[in-house]
C-alpha atoms as a PDB file:
ATOM      1  CA  MET A   1       0.638  -5.240  24.682  1.00  0.00           C
ATOM      2  CA  ALA A   2       2.906  -5.887  21.743  1.00  0.00           C
ATOM      3  CA  GLN A   3       5.321  -8.782  21.938  1.00  0.00           C
ATOM      4  CA  PRO A   4       8.471  -9.445  19.952  1.00  0.00           C
ATOM      5  CA  LEU A   5       7.985 -11.698  16.959  1.00  0.00           C
ATOM      6  CA  THR A   6       9.628 -14.845  18.225  1.00  0.00           C
ATOM      7  CA  SER A   7       9.313 -18.459  19.083  1.00  0.00           C
ATOM      8  CA  GLU A   8       5.541 -18.948  18.936  1.00  0.00           C
ATOM      9  CA  LEU A   9       5.350 -18.294  15.196  1.00  0.00           C
ATOM     10  CA  GLU A  10       8.722 -19.783  14.399  1.00  0.00           C
ATOM     11  CA  ALA A  11       7.956 -22.964  16.338  1.00  0.00           C
ATOM     12  CA  THR A  12       4.802 -23.663  14.325  1.00  0.00           C
ATOM     13  CA  ASP A  13       6.378 -23.137  10.900  1.00  0.00           C
ATOM     14  CA  PRO A  14       9.025 -25.624   9.782  1.00  0.00           C
ATOM     15  CA  ASN A  15      10.132 -23.079   7.169  1.00  0.00           C
ATOM     16  CA  PRO A  16       9.939 -19.724   8.948  1.00  0.00           C
ATOM     17  CA  ILE A  17      10.186 -16.527   6.942  1.00  0.00           C
ATOM     18  CA  ASP A  18      13.144 -14.295   7.724  1.00  0.00           C
ATOM     19  CA  LEU A  19      11.601 -11.076   9.030  1.00  0.00           C
ATOM     20  CA  SER A  20      14.890  -9.450  10.025  1.00  0.00           C
ATOM     21  CA  ALA A  21      14.656  -7.052   7.070  1.00  0.00           C
ATOM     22  CA  ASN A  22      11.746  -5.330   8.784  1.00  0.00           C
ATOM     23  CA  ARG A  23      13.750  -4.229  11.826  1.00  0.00           C
ATOM     24  CA  ARG A  24      11.478  -1.285  12.568  1.00  0.00           C
ATOM     25  CA  MET A  25       8.349  -3.455  12.485  1.00  0.00           C
ATOM     26  CA  ARG A  26       9.232  -6.417  14.697  1.00  0.00           C
ATOM     27  CA  ARG A  27       6.280  -6.246  17.020  1.00  0.00           C
ATOM     28  CA  LEU A  28       3.269  -8.513  16.699  1.00  0.00           C
ATOM     29  CA  ARG A  29      -0.104  -7.513  18.084  1.00  0.00           C
ATOM     30  CA  VAL A  30      -1.305 -10.036  20.661  1.00  0.00           C
ATOM     31  CA  GLY A  31      -4.510 -11.614  19.417  1.00  0.00           C
ATOM     32  CA  ALA A  32      -4.027 -10.252  15.892  1.00  0.00           C
ATOM     33  CA  TRP A  33      -6.563 -12.807  14.710  1.00  0.00           C
ATOM     34  CA  GLN A  34      -9.294 -11.217  16.859  1.00  0.00           C
ATOM     35  CA  VAL A  35     -11.691  -8.411  16.005  1.00  0.00           C
ATOM     36  CA  ALA A  36     -10.754  -5.015  17.463  1.00  0.00           C
ATOM     37  CA  ARG A  37     -12.477  -4.420  20.793  1.00  0.00           C
ATOM     38  CA  ASP A  38     -13.518  -0.837  19.979  1.00  0.00           C
ATOM     39  CA  LEU A  39     -13.430   1.824  17.261  1.00  0.00           C
ATOM     40  CA  PRO A  40     -10.243   3.559  18.488  1.00  0.00           C
ATOM     41  CA  ALA A  41      -8.470   0.188  18.433  1.00  0.00           C
ATOM     42  CA  SER A  42      -9.612  -0.334  14.837  1.00  0.00           C
ATOM     43  CA  PHE A  43      -8.146   3.026  13.861  1.00  0.00           C
ATOM     44  CA  ARG A  44      -4.888   2.226  15.686  1.00  0.00           C
ATOM     45  CA  TYR A  45      -4.578  -1.071  13.816  1.00  0.00           C
ATOM     46  CA  ALA A  46      -5.263   0.674  10.501  1.00  0.00           C
ATOM     47  CA  ALA A  47      -2.611   3.273  11.362  1.00  0.00           C
ATOM     48  CA  GLN A  48      -0.189   0.440  12.134  1.00  0.00           C
ATOM     49  CA  GLY A  49      -0.872  -0.985   8.671  1.00  0.00           C
ATOM     50  CA  LEU A  50      -0.160   2.386   7.073  1.00  0.00           C
ATOM     51  CA  GLY A  51       2.968   2.765   9.173  1.00  0.00           C
ATOM     52  CA  TYR A  52       4.159  -0.703   8.231  1.00  0.00           C
ATOM     53  CA  SER A  53       3.635   0.025   4.544  1.00  0.00           C
ATOM     54  CA  LEU A  54       5.391   3.389   4.740  1.00  0.00           C
ATOM     55  CA  LEU A  55       8.357   1.892   6.566  1.00  0.00           C
ATOM     56  CA  THR A  56       8.792  -1.302   4.589  1.00  0.00           C
ATOM     57  CA  GLN A  57       7.242  -0.900   1.137  1.00  0.00           C
ATOM     58  CA  ARG A  58       9.299   1.158  -1.302  1.00  0.00           C
ATOM     59  CA  ASN A  59       6.561   1.233  -3.937  1.00  0.00           C
ATOM     60  CA  PHE A  60       3.999   2.513  -1.427  1.00  0.00           C
ATOM     61  CA  ARG A  61       6.345   5.365  -0.512  1.00  0.00           C
ATOM     62  CA  ILE A  62       6.821   6.171  -4.206  1.00  0.00           C
ATOM     63  CA  HIS A  63       3.048   6.276  -4.706  1.00  0.00           C
ATOM     64  CA  VAL A  64       2.582   8.526  -1.655  1.00  0.00           C
ATOM     65  CA  VAL A  65       5.246  10.997  -2.835  1.00  0.00           C
ATOM     66  CA  THR A  66       3.715  10.972  -6.317  1.00  0.00           C
ATOM     67  CA  ALA A  67       0.257  11.610  -4.840  1.00  0.00           C
ATOM     68  CA  VAL A  68       1.527  14.592  -2.845  1.00  0.00           C
ATOM     69  CA  PHE A  69       3.144  16.013  -5.987  1.00  0.00           C
ATOM     70  CA  VAL A  70       0.010  15.476  -8.103  1.00  0.00           C
ATOM     71  CA  PHE A  71      -2.274  17.055  -5.496  1.00  0.00           C
ATOM     72  CA  GLY A  72       0.112  19.975  -5.061  1.00  0.00           C
ATOM     73  CA  LEU A  73       0.192  20.524  -8.814  1.00  0.00           C
ATOM     74  CA  ALA A  74      -3.608  20.257  -9.024  1.00  0.00           C
ATOM     75  CA  LEU A  75      -4.020  22.884  -6.303  1.00  0.00           C
ATOM     76  CA  TRP A  76      -1.439  25.171  -7.941  1.00  0.00           C
ATOM     77  CA  LEU A  77      -3.305  24.849 -11.237  1.00  0.00           C
ATOM     78  CA  GLN A  78      -6.574  25.569  -9.405  1.00  0.00           C
ATOM     79  CA  LEU A  79      -8.285  22.526 -10.849  1.00  0.00           C
ATOM     80  CA  SER A  80     -12.067  22.477 -10.552  1.00  0.00           C
ATOM     81  CA  LEU A  81     -13.572  20.383  -7.763  1.00  0.00           C
ATOM     82  CA  ASP A  82     -14.898  17.742 -10.135  1.00  0.00           C
ATOM     83  CA  ARG A  83     -11.477  17.267 -11.748  1.00  0.00           C
ATOM     84  CA  LEU A  84      -9.820  17.227  -8.335  1.00  0.00           C
ATOM     85  CA  ALA A  85     -12.318  14.593  -7.181  1.00  0.00           C
ATOM     86  CA  VAL A  86     -11.417  12.375 -10.143  1.00  0.00           C
ATOM     87  CA  LEU A  87      -7.721  12.721  -9.265  1.00  0.00           C
ATOM     88  CA  VAL A  88      -8.417  11.887  -5.619  1.00  0.00           C
ATOM     89  CA  LEU A  89     -10.336   8.753  -6.607  1.00  0.00           C
ATOM     90  CA  THR A  90      -7.734   7.472  -9.046  1.00  0.00           C
ATOM     91  CA  VAL A  91      -4.736   8.181  -6.822  1.00  0.00           C
ATOM     92  CA  THR A  92      -6.512   6.688  -3.809  1.00  0.00           C
ATOM     93  CA  ALA A  93      -7.299   3.561  -5.838  1.00  0.00           C
ATOM     94  CA  VAL A  94      -3.586   3.083  -6.501  1.00  0.00           C
ATOM     95  CA  LEU A  95      -2.725   3.498  -2.806  1.00  0.00           C
ATOM     96  CA  VAL A  96      -5.487   1.105  -1.734  1.00  0.00           C
ATOM     97  CA  LEU A  97      -4.382  -1.511  -4.245  1.00  0.00           C
ATOM     98  CA  GLU A  98      -0.776  -1.167  -3.078  1.00  0.00           C
ATOM     99  CA  LEU A  99      -1.917  -1.797   0.508  1.00  0.00           C
ATOM    100  CA  LEU A 100      -3.941  -4.822  -0.615  1.00  0.00           C
ATOM    101  CA  ASN A 101      -0.936  -6.079  -2.590  1.00  0.00           C
ATOM    102  CA  THR A 102       1.190  -5.866   0.553  1.00  0.00           C
ATOM    103  CA  ALA A 103      -1.457  -7.733   2.551  1.00  0.00           C
ATOM    104  CA  MET A 104      -1.762 -10.390  -0.156  1.00  0.00           C
ATOM    105  CA  GLU A 105       2.001 -10.902  -0.222  1.00  0.00           C
ATOM    106  CA  ALA A 106       2.087 -11.269   3.567  1.00  0.00           C
ATOM    107  CA  VAL A 107      -0.724 -13.832   3.585  1.00  0.00           C
ATOM    108  CA  VAL A 108       0.842 -15.821   0.749  1.00  0.00           C
ATOM    109  CA  ASP A 109       4.214 -15.795   2.531  1.00  0.00           C
ATOM    110  CA  LEU A 110       2.488 -16.925   5.719  1.00  0.00           C
ATOM    111  CA  ALA A 111       0.788 -19.783   3.876  1.00  0.00           C
ATOM    112  CA  VAL A 112       3.726 -21.129   1.877  1.00  0.00           C
ATOM    113  CA  GLY A 113       6.712 -20.047   3.945  1.00  0.00           C
ATOM    114  CA  ARG A 114       9.941 -20.236   1.986  1.00  0.00           C
ATOM    115  CA  ARG A 115       8.684 -22.942  -0.324  1.00  0.00           C
ATOM    116  CA  TYR A 116       8.009 -22.159  -3.968  1.00  0.00           C
ATOM    117  CA  HIS A 117       4.475 -22.761  -5.149  1.00  0.00           C
ATOM    118  CA  PRO A 118       3.172 -21.793  -8.596  1.00  0.00           C
ATOM    119  CA  LEU A 119      -0.162 -20.618  -7.160  1.00  0.00           C
ATOM    120  CA  ALA A 120       1.675 -18.331  -4.736  1.00  0.00           C
ATOM    121  CA  ARG A 121       3.521 -16.813  -7.677  1.00  0.00           C
ATOM    122  CA  ILE A 122       0.260 -16.301  -9.566  1.00  0.00           C
ATOM    123  CA  ALA A 123      -1.397 -14.644  -6.558  1.00  0.00           C
ATOM    124  CA  LYS A 124       1.518 -12.273  -6.018  1.00  0.00           C
ATOM    125  CA  ASP A 125       1.931 -11.475  -9.712  1.00  0.00           C
ATOM    126  CA  CYS A 126      -1.782 -10.775 -10.192  1.00  0.00           C
ATOM    127  CA  ALA A 127      -1.903  -8.523  -7.124  1.00  0.00           C
ATOM    128  CA  ALA A 128       1.103  -6.601  -8.442  1.00  0.00           C
ATOM    129  CA  ALA A 129      -0.508  -6.417 -11.885  1.00  0.00           C
ATOM    130  CA  ALA A 130      -3.633  -4.867 -10.348  1.00  0.00           C
ATOM    131  CA  VAL A 131      -1.480  -2.106  -8.873  1.00  0.00           C
ATOM    132  CA  LEU A 132       0.277  -1.622 -12.208  1.00  0.00           C
ATOM    133  CA  VAL A 133      -2.987  -1.328 -14.160  1.00  0.00           C
ATOM    134  CA  ALA A 134      -4.380   1.178 -11.645  1.00  0.00           C
ATOM    135  CA  ALA A 135      -1.140   3.185 -11.686  1.00  0.00           C
ATOM    136  CA  ILE A 136      -1.125   3.375 -15.489  1.00  0.00           C
ATOM    137  CA  ALA A 137      -4.790   4.422 -15.543  1.00  0.00           C
ATOM    138  CA  SER A 138      -4.103   6.997 -12.832  1.00  0.00           C
ATOM    139  CA  LEU A 139      -1.163   8.368 -14.809  1.00  0.00           C
ATOM    140  CA  LEU A 140      -3.258   8.687 -17.962  1.00  0.00           C
ATOM    141  CA  ILE A 141      -6.058  10.433 -16.071  1.00  0.00           C
ATOM    142  CA  ALA A 142      -3.574  12.776 -14.398  1.00  0.00           C
ATOM    143  CA  VAL A 143      -2.061  13.688 -17.770  1.00  0.00           C
ATOM    144  CA  LEU A 144      -5.507  14.308 -19.267  1.00  0.00           C
ATOM    145  CA  LEU A 145      -6.590  16.478 -16.340  1.00  0.00           C
ATOM    146  CA  LEU A 146      -3.339  18.304 -15.549  1.00  0.00           C
ATOM    147  CA  LEU A 147      -1.605  18.810 -18.886  1.00  0.00           C
ATOM    148  CA  PRO A 148      -4.029  21.278 -20.541  1.00  0.00           C
ATOM    149  CA  PRO A 149      -4.142  23.693 -17.568  1.00  0.00           C
ATOM    150  CA  LEU A 150      -0.384  23.285 -17.073  1.00  0.00           C
ATOM    151  CA  ILE A 151       0.298  24.238 -20.696  1.00  0.00           C
ATOM    152  CA  THR A 152      -1.997  27.246 -20.305  1.00  0.00           C
ATOM    153  CA  ARG A 153      -0.369  28.243 -17.007  1.00  0.00           C
ATOM    154  CA  ILE A 154       3.230  28.108 -18.261  1.00  0.00           C
ATOM    155  CA  GLY A 155       2.309  29.692 -21.583  1.00  0.00           C
ATOM    156  CA  PHE A 156       3.152  27.134 -24.264  1.00  0.00           C
END
């Protein structure tokens, strides 16, 4: 069963992180350090990670909305399967990196608490840079794959 995030974590950290901003995600899985007991539990935990990211990470929501738009446009333009596959791979890479960035930030915050550490800054900045590089590459690929059929479709 899920328990409220309270004293056990706060008691062990002399500099606890304020988690009140995540009001919708205040529950902590008991035994979160353990391996899932079965496959359905693994899928539930993965769904919780997606839910957490959708609820708390603005950039993840932006990437999801952008992905829906890009896939809708690709279907409207009747892109070939190979071009659609390239779009799926690049957009998925951005979403995966955003999830990993969120996980990295959480682990760094857990490790350093509210204290500043230059290595924590480097870890967070590099994780964010990975998302940025993937997003730029994904944008360029989307333009290369979508712009020519879009121009043809609208008649420029």
